[in-house]
């Protein structure tokens, strides 16, 4: 059985608002993979000169840019904290997350009494 490298500790957390280092979009994290967990086709579609390594955390974001809202899958190396304070408008956020009051979010608790 091959020995794999230990997963790195994720630098960002669920509910944190982040922005992309290269492309003009930002979003809130709703899930984290300790290492790449998407298709080989998806990874190979990224231009080689900016293709991230697979052995780092990857984040699922409710993302948005000036034109649209979407789901993004982004490597840790390409994210930065977003400190703009500008509210996010992505419609799916409220289905999964709720505001914490400090500008970040937490997983929405449903049916808990």
Protein backbone atom coordinates (compact mmCIF):
# COMPACT_ATOMS: atom_id res chain seq x y z
CA UNK A 1 0.00 0.00 0.00
CA UNK A 2 1.59 3.32 -1.03
CA UNK A 3 2.16 5.92 1.63
CA UNK A 4 0.62 9.28 0.77
CA UNK A 5 1.76 12.62 2.03
CA UNK A 6 -0.25 13.91 4.98
CA UNK A 7 -3.02 16.34 4.05
CA UNK A 8 -2.19 19.94 4.79
CA UNK A 9 -4.26 21.90 7.25
CA UNK A 10 -6.68 24.13 5.34
CA UNK A 11 -5.78 27.82 5.63
CA UNK A 12 -9.38 28.94 5.06
CA UNK A 13 -12.56 27.73 6.73
CA UNK A 14 -16.18 27.08 5.84
CA UNK A 15 -18.09 30.34 5.97
CA UNK A 16 -15.07 32.52 5.21
CA UNK A 17 -15.34 35.05 2.40
CA UNK A 18 -12.44 34.87 -0.04
CA UNK A 19 -11.39 36.25 -3.40
CA UNK A 20 -9.45 34.68 -6.25
CA UNK A 21 -5.80 35.72 -6.53
CA UNK A 22 -5.88 35.95 -10.36
CA UNK A 23 -9.47 36.18 -11.57
CA UNK A 24 -12.02 38.85 -10.58
CA UNK A 25 -14.40 36.86 -8.42
CA UNK A 26 -15.10 36.32 -4.75
CA UNK A 27 -17.27 34.01 -2.72
CA UNK A 28 -17.94 32.16 0.50
CA UNK A 29 -16.54 28.70 1.25
CA UNK A 30 -19.15 25.99 1.79
CA UNK A 31 -16.95 22.88 1.64
CA UNK A 32 -13.26 21.91 1.70
CA UNK A 33 -11.42 18.96 0.15
CA UNK A 34 -8.04 18.25 1.83
CA UNK A 35 -6.57 17.52 -1.63
CA UNK A 36 -7.84 17.78 -5.21
CA UNK A 37 -11.06 15.82 -5.66
CA UNK A 38 -12.40 16.69 -9.10
CA UNK A 39 -12.03 15.09 -12.53
CA UNK A 40 -8.77 14.81 -14.42
CA UNK A 41 -10.51 16.56 -17.35
CA UNK A 42 -11.35 19.55 -15.13
CA UNK A 43 -7.75 19.80 -13.92
CA UNK A 44 -6.27 19.45 -17.43
CA UNK A 45 -8.60 22.19 -18.72
CA UNK A 46 -6.66 24.70 -16.60
CA UNK A 47 -3.84 26.30 -18.63
CA UNK A 48 -0.60 24.59 -17.64
CA UNK A 49 1.13 27.85 -16.69
CA UNK A 50 -1.46 28.49 -13.95
CA UNK A 51 -2.51 24.89 -13.16
CA UNK A 52 -2.34 24.34 -9.39
CA UNK A 53 -0.79 21.32 -7.73
CA UNK A 54 -3.26 18.67 -6.58
CA UNK A 55 -1.72 18.13 -3.13
CA UNK A 56 -3.28 21.11 -1.39
CA UNK A 57 -6.74 21.94 -0.05
CA UNK A 58 -9.39 22.80 -2.64
CA UNK A 59 -12.43 24.87 -1.74
CA UNK A 60 -16.03 24.83 -2.96
CA UNK A 61 -17.35 28.40 -3.17
CA UNK A 62 -20.64 30.10 -3.76
CA UNK A 63 -18.87 32.49 -6.11
CA UNK A 64 -19.82 35.66 -7.94
CA UNK A 65 -18.36 38.25 -10.24
CA UNK A 66 -19.91 41.41 -11.65
CA UNK A 67 -22.03 39.47 -14.16
CA UNK A 68 -23.14 36.21 -12.56
CA UNK A 69 -23.27 33.78 -9.63
CA UNK A 70 -21.94 30.22 -9.79
CA UNK A 71 -20.18 27.41 -7.91
CA UNK A 72 -16.38 27.49 -8.08
CA UNK A 73 -13.73 24.92 -7.13
CA UNK A 74 -10.49 26.70 -6.24
CA UNK A 75 -7.06 25.65 -4.97
CA UNK A 76 -5.78 27.17 -1.75
CA UNK A 77 -2.84 28.79 -3.56
CA UNK A 78 -5.30 30.88 -5.59
CA UNK A 79 -7.34 32.28 -2.72
CA UNK A 80 -6.92 35.33 -0.53
CA UNK A 81 -9.09 36.56 2.33
CA UNK A 82 -11.68 39.10 1.16
CA UNK A 83 -11.69 42.09 3.49
CA UNK A 84 -13.86 44.37 1.34
CA UNK A 85 -16.89 44.10 3.63
CA UNK A 86 -19.13 44.09 0.53
CA UNK A 87 -22.09 41.70 1.04
CA UNK A 88 -22.38 38.67 -1.22
CA UNK A 89 -25.53 38.31 -3.34
CA UNK A 90 -25.31 34.62 -4.34
CA UNK A 91 -28.82 33.18 -3.95
CA UNK A 92 -27.67 29.73 -2.76
CA UNK A 93 -25.82 31.02 0.31
CA UNK A 94 -28.93 31.17 2.49
CA UNK A 95 -29.81 27.55 1.65
CA UNK A 96 -26.60 26.27 3.28
CA UNK A 97 -25.11 29.05 5.41
CA UNK A 98 -26.28 31.71 7.83
CA UNK A 99 -24.55 34.99 8.77
CA UNK A 100 -22.50 35.00 11.97
CA UNK A 101 -22.67 38.77 12.40
CA UNK A 102 -18.96 39.35 11.86
CA UNK A 103 -19.10 39.28 8.05
CA UNK A 104 -18.57 35.52 7.82
CA UNK A 105 -21.02 32.60 7.78
CA UNK A 106 -21.60 29.27 9.49
CA UNK A 107 -23.39 26.10 8.39
CA UNK A 108 -27.14 26.61 8.70
CA UNK A 109 -28.61 24.48 11.45
CA UNK A 110 -31.92 23.03 10.28
CA UNK A 111 -34.41 21.32 12.53
CA UNK A 112 -32.30 21.75 15.67
CA UNK A 113 -34.31 22.51 18.81
